[in-house]
Structure formats: structure tokens, C-alpha cells
Amino acid sequence: MGVEFEPRIVAFMCNWCTYAAADTAGVSRMQQPPNVLPIRVMCSGRVSPEMVMRA
């Protein structure tokens, strides 16, 4: 059959830390995998289980 599993990854990125680091990586021409969907949030500590389930 040979079907490969390619997971879709949702990344909740804090506006002040992770998102800024991802932006800097982009400026440095680093690439993230195409199966990663970044979602910018003001604070990753405020991500609720409901938010994760809706993503």
C-alpha cells in the first residue's frame, strides 16, 4: 500500500517569545516544515483545551 502518514501540526506561538523567534528564523531564511500551521496568540499560557480542539 505504501501510504505515508504526514501529520498536520498546529503550533500555538506566543506573540512575545516563540512567534518572534520564528520571525527571526524567517529573516535568516530558515524554513519550517510545510505541515506546520503557526497560530499566533498573545500568550501561550492562555491557550485553552477548547482552543486546541477547535484547531
PDB file of N, CA and C in Angstrom:
ATOM      1  N   MET A   1       0.819  -1.178   0.000  1.00  0.00           N
ATOM      2  CA  MET A   1       0.000   0.000   0.000  1.00  0.00           C
ATOM      3  C   MET A   1       0.875   1.258   0.000  1.00  0.00           C
ATOM      4  N   GLY A   2       1.871   1.376   0.870  1.00  0.00           N
ATOM      5  CA  GLY A   2       2.858   2.440   0.813  1.00  0.00           C
ATOM      6  C   GLY A   2       2.376   3.859   1.067  1.00  0.00           C
ATOM      7  N   VAL A   3       1.304   4.031   1.810  1.00  0.00           N
ATOM      8  CA  VAL A   3       0.825   5.384   2.097  1.00  0.00           C
ATOM      9  C   VAL A   3       1.571   5.911   3.317  1.00  0.00           C
ATOM     10  N   GLU A   4       2.244   7.048   3.152  1.00  0.00           N
ATOM     11  CA  GLU A   4       2.985   7.641   4.265  1.00  0.00           C
ATOM     12  C   GLU A   4       2.094   8.582   5.055  1.00  0.00           C
ATOM     13  N   PHE A   5       2.243   8.554   6.362  1.00  0.00           N
ATOM     14  CA  PHE A   5       1.483   9.435   7.242  1.00  0.00           C
ATOM     15  C   PHE A   5       2.207  10.770   7.356  1.00  0.00           C
ATOM     16  N   GLU A   6       1.536  11.849   7.036  1.00  0.00           N
ATOM     17  CA  GLU A   6       2.096  13.201   7.132  1.00  0.00           C
ATOM     18  C   GLU A   6       1.216  13.986   8.106  1.00  0.00           C
ATOM     19  N   PRO A   7       1.634  14.093   9.380  1.00  0.00           N
ATOM     20  CA  PRO A   7       0.783  14.776  10.357  1.00  0.00           C
ATOM     21  C   PRO A   7       0.696  16.273  10.083  1.00  0.00           C
ATOM     22  N   ARG A   8      -0.444  16.861  10.418  1.00  0.00           N
ATOM     23  CA  ARG A   8      -0.592  18.315  10.373  1.00  0.00           C
ATOM     24  C   ARG A   8      -0.357  18.808  11.793  1.00  0.00           C
ATOM     25  N   ILE A   9       0.602  19.683  11.963  1.00  0.00           N
ATOM     26  CA  ILE A   9       0.997  20.161  13.286  1.00  0.00           C
ATOM     27  C   ILE A   9       0.537  21.597  13.455  1.00  0.00           C
ATOM     28  N   VAL A  10      -0.222  21.834  14.533  1.00  0.00           N
ATOM     29  CA  VAL A  10      -0.670  23.183  14.862  1.00  0.00           C
ATOM     30  C   VAL A  10       0.251  23.695  15.959  1.00  0.00           C
ATOM     31  N   ALA A  11       0.912  24.823  15.705  1.00  0.00           N
ATOM     32  CA  ALA A  11       1.846  25.400  16.671  1.00  0.00           C
ATOM     33  C   ALA A  11       1.264  26.704  17.218  1.00  0.00           C
ATOM     34  N   PHE A  12       0.873  26.690  18.494  1.00  0.00           N
ATOM     35  CA  PHE A  12       0.409  27.911  19.145  1.00  0.00           C
ATOM     36  C   PHE A  12       1.650  28.675  19.584  1.00  0.00           C
ATOM     37  N   MET A  13       1.882  29.827  18.964  1.00  0.00           N
ATOM     38  CA  MET A  13       3.101  30.589  19.212  1.00  0.00           C
ATOM     39  C   MET A  13       2.798  31.869  19.972  1.00  0.00           C
ATOM     40  N   CYS A  14       3.474  32.015  21.104  1.00  0.00           N
ATOM     41  CA  CYS A  14       3.332  33.212  21.931  1.00  0.00           C
ATOM     42  C   CYS A  14       3.853  34.429  21.157  1.00  0.00           C
ATOM     43  N   ASN A  15       3.094  35.491  21.168  1.00  0.00           N
ATOM     44  CA  ASN A  15       3.461  36.725  20.459  1.00  0.00           C
ATOM     45  C   ASN A  15       4.820  37.257  20.902  1.00  0.00           C
ATOM     46  N   TRP A  16       5.162  37.084  22.150  1.00  0.00           N
ATOM     47  CA  TRP A  16       6.360  37.715  22.700  1.00  0.00           C
ATOM     48  C   TRP A  16       7.597  36.832  22.648  1.00  0.00           C
ATOM     49  N   CYS A  17       7.445  35.545  22.528  1.00  0.00           N
ATOM     50  CA  CYS A  17       8.622  34.655  22.543  1.00  0.00           C
ATOM     51  C   CYS A  17       8.737  33.826  21.269  1.00  0.00           C
ATOM     52  N   THR A  18       7.920  32.809  21.169  1.00  0.00           N
ATOM     53  CA  THR A  18       8.043  31.851  20.076  1.00  0.00           C
ATOM     54  C   THR A  18       7.809  32.476  18.714  1.00  0.00           C
ATOM     55  N   TYR A  19       6.790  33.341  18.605  1.00  0.00           N
ATOM     56  CA  TYR A  19       6.493  33.943  17.303  1.00  0.00           C
ATOM     57  C   TYR A  19       7.639  34.843  16.857  1.00  0.00           C
ATOM     58  N   ALA A  20       8.214  35.587  17.797  1.00  0.00           N
ATOM     59  CA  ALA A  20       9.351  36.453  17.464  1.00  0.00           C
ATOM     60  C   ALA A  20      10.545  35.619  17.001  1.00  0.00           C
ATOM     61  N   ALA A  21      10.761  34.481  17.644  1.00  0.00           N
ATOM     62  CA  ALA A  21      11.861  33.595  17.244  1.00  0.00           C
ATOM     63  C   ALA A  21      11.611  33.019  15.851  1.00  0.00           C
ATOM     64  N   ALA A  22      10.355  32.649  15.566  1.00  0.00           N
ATOM     65  CA  ALA A  22      10.020  32.125  14.238  1.00  0.00           C
ATOM     66  C   ALA A  22      10.195  33.207  13.176  1.00  0.00           C
ATOM     67  N   ASP A  23       9.852  34.438  13.523  1.00  0.00           N
ATOM     68  CA  ASP A  23      10.024  35.551  12.594  1.00  0.00           C
ATOM     69  C   ASP A  23      11.508  35.781  12.301  1.00  0.00           C
ATOM     70  N   THR A  24      12.324  35.731  13.334  1.00  0.00           N
ATOM     71  CA  THR A  24      13.771  35.887  13.169  1.00  0.00           C
ATOM     72  C   THR A  24      14.341  34.757  12.309  1.00  0.00           C
ATOM     73  N   ALA A  25      13.847  33.548  12.517  1.00  0.00           N
ATOM     74  CA  ALA A  25      14.299  32.418  11.703  1.00  0.00           C
ATOM     75  C   ALA A  25      13.936  32.637  10.240  1.00  0.00           C
ATOM     76  N   GLY A  26      12.762  33.214   9.993  1.00  0.00           N
ATOM     77  CA  GLY A  26      12.351  33.507   8.620  1.00  0.00           C
ATOM     78  C   GLY A  26      13.242  34.539   7.963  1.00  0.00           C
ATOM     79  N   VAL A  27      13.643  35.551   8.731  1.00  0.00           N
ATOM     80  CA  VAL A  27      14.552  36.577   8.213  1.00  0.00           C
ATOM     81  C   VAL A  27      15.897  35.949   7.862  1.00  0.00           C
ATOM     82  N   SER A  28      16.296  34.943   8.627  1.00  0.00           N
ATOM     83  CA  SER A  28      17.558  34.236   8.370  1.00  0.00           C
ATOM     84  C   SER A  28      17.415  33.178   7.282  1.00  0.00           C
ATOM     85  N   ARG A  29      16.266  33.169   6.617  1.00  0.00           N
ATOM     86  CA  ARG A  29      15.955  32.249   5.522  1.00  0.00           C
ATOM     87  C   ARG A  29      15.895  30.787   5.953  1.00  0.00           C
ATOM     88  N   MET A  30      15.592  30.550   7.212  1.00  0.00           N
ATOM     89  CA  MET A  30      15.344  29.184   7.673  1.00  0.00           C
ATOM     90  C   MET A  30      13.890  28.860   7.339  1.00  0.00           C
ATOM     91  N   GLN A  31      13.617  27.614   7.059  1.00  0.00           N
ATOM     92  CA  GLN A  31      12.259  27.228   6.697  1.00  0.00           C
ATOM     93  C   GLN A  31      11.680  26.279   7.728  1.00  0.00           C
ATOM     94  N   GLN A  32      10.374  26.407   7.936  1.00  0.00           N
ATOM     95  CA  GLN A  32       9.692  25.444   8.786  1.00  0.00           C
ATOM     96  C   GLN A  32       9.032  24.409   7.883  1.00  0.00           C
ATOM     97  N   PRO A  33       8.778  23.235   8.402  1.00  0.00           N
ATOM     98  CA  PRO A  33       8.145  22.207   7.578  1.00  0.00           C
ATOM     99  C   PRO A  33       6.784  22.677   7.060  1.00  0.00           C
ATOM    100  N   PRO A  34       6.402  22.260   5.863  1.00  0.00           N
ATOM    101  CA  PRO A  34       5.130  22.715   5.289  1.00  0.00           C
ATOM    102  C   PRO A  34       3.900  22.198   6.025  1.00  0.00           C
ATOM    103  N   ASN A  35       4.055  21.175   6.861  1.00  0.00           N
ATOM    104  CA  ASN A  35       2.906  20.636   7.576  1.00  0.00           C
ATOM    105  C   ASN A  35       2.691  21.302   8.940  1.00  0.00           C
ATOM    106  N   VAL A  36       3.425  22.378   9.232  1.00  0.00           N
ATOM    107  CA  VAL A  36       3.261  23.116  10.484  1.00  0.00           C
ATOM    108  C   VAL A  36       2.431  24.365  10.225  1.00  0.00           C
ATOM    109  N   LEU A  37       1.352  24.513  10.991  1.00  0.00           N
ATOM    110  CA  LEU A  37       0.490  25.682  10.890  1.00  0.00           C
ATOM    111  C   LEU A  37       0.688  26.542  12.136  1.00  0.00           C
ATOM    112  N   PRO A  38       1.385  27.676  12.011  1.00  0.00           N
ATOM    113  CA  PRO A  38       1.585  28.534  13.182  1.00  0.00           C
ATOM    114  C   PRO A  38       0.334  29.369  13.465  1.00  0.00           C
ATOM    115  N   ILE A  39      -0.065  29.409  14.737  1.00  0.00           N
ATOM    116  CA  ILE A  39      -1.171  30.250  15.174  1.00  0.00           C
ATOM    117  C   ILE A  39      -0.625  31.186  16.238  1.00  0.00           C
ATOM    118  N   ARG A  40      -0.693  32.463  15.963  1.00  0.00           N
ATOM    119  CA  ARG A  40      -0.151  33.480  16.861  1.00  0.00           C
ATOM    120  C   ARG A  40      -1.170  33.786  17.962  1.00  0.00           C
ATOM    121  N   VAL A  41      -0.736  33.664  19.209  1.00  0.00           N
ATOM    122  CA  VAL A  41      -1.572  34.001  20.365  1.00  0.00           C
ATOM    123  C   VAL A  41      -0.806  35.000  21.225  1.00  0.00           C
ATOM    124  N   MET A  42      -1.523  35.802  21.982  1.00  0.00           N
ATOM    125  CA  MET A  42      -0.848  36.808  22.810  1.00  0.00           C
ATOM    126  C   MET A  42       0.010  36.162  23.893  1.00  0.00           C
ATOM    127  N   CYS A  43      -0.482  35.072  24.475  1.00  0.00           N
ATOM    128  CA  CYS A  43       0.296  34.357  25.488  1.00  0.00           C
ATOM    129  C   CYS A  43      -0.061  32.875  25.400  1.00  0.00           C
ATOM    130  N   SER A  44       0.912  32.031  25.240  1.00  0.00           N
ATOM    131  CA  SER A  44       0.631  30.604  25.100  1.00  0.00           C
ATOM    132  C   SER A  44       0.080  30.001  26.391  1.00  0.00           C
ATOM    133  N   GLY A  45       0.262  30.689  27.506  1.00  0.00           N
ATOM    134  CA  GLY A  45      -0.312  30.242  28.767  1.00  0.00           C
ATOM    135  C   GLY A  45      -1.822  30.365  28.797  1.00  0.00           C
ATOM    136  N   ARG A  46      -2.386  31.133  27.870  1.00  0.00           N
ATOM    137  CA  ARG A  46      -3.830  31.334  27.810  1.00  0.00           C
ATOM    138  C   ARG A  46      -4.517  30.404  26.813  1.00  0.00           C
ATOM    139  N   VAL A  47      -3.777  29.492  26.217  1.00  0.00           N
ATOM    140  CA  VAL A  47      -4.372  28.552  25.265  1.00  0.00           C
ATOM    141  C   VAL A  47      -5.180  27.525  26.056  1.00  0.00           C
ATOM    142  N   SER A  48      -6.466  27.455  25.753  1.00  0.00           N
ATOM    143  CA  SER A  48      -7.355  26.545  26.477  1.00  0.00           C
ATOM    144  C   SER A  48      -7.498  25.224  25.719  1.00  0.00           C
ATOM    145  N   PRO A  49      -7.917  24.172  26.412  1.00  0.00           N
ATOM    146  CA  PRO A  49      -8.161  22.902  25.724  1.00  0.00           C
ATOM    147  C   PRO A  49      -9.189  23.050  24.593  1.00  0.00           C
ATOM    148  N   GLU A  50     -10.167  23.919  24.769  1.00  0.00           N
ATOM    149  CA  GLU A  50     -11.167  24.153  23.723  1.00  0.00           C
ATOM    150  C   GLU A  50     -10.508  24.720  22.462  1.00  0.00           C
ATOM    151  N   MET A  51      -9.562  25.620  22.654  1.00  0.00           N
ATOM    152  CA  MET A  51      -8.831  26.190  21.516  1.00  0.00           C
ATOM    153  C   MET A  51      -8.075  25.105  20.759  1.00  0.00           C
ATOM    154  N   VAL A  52      -7.466  24.214  21.496  1.00  0.00           N
ATOM    155  CA  VAL A  52      -6.704  23.124  20.882  1.00  0.00           C
ATOM    156  C   VAL A  52      -7.642  22.211  20.091  1.00  0.00           C
ATOM    157  N   MET A  53      -8.799  21.902  20.661  1.00  0.00           N
ATOM    158  CA  MET A  53      -9.749  21.020  19.983  1.00  0.00           C
ATOM    159  C   MET A  53     -10.321  21.668  18.724  1.00  0.00           C
ATOM    160  N   ARG A  54     -10.515  22.977  18.740  1.00  0.00           N
ATOM    161  CA  ARG A  54     -11.047  23.673  17.571  1.00  0.00           C
ATOM    162  C   ARG A  54     -10.006  23.803  16.460  1.00  0.00           C
ATOM    163  N   ALA A  55      -8.742  23.777  16.832  1.00  0.00           N
ATOM    164  CA  ALA A  55      -7.679  23.926  15.834  1.00  0.00           C
ATOM    165  C   ALA A  55      -7.642  22.693  14.964  1.00  0.00           C
TER     166      ALA A  55
END
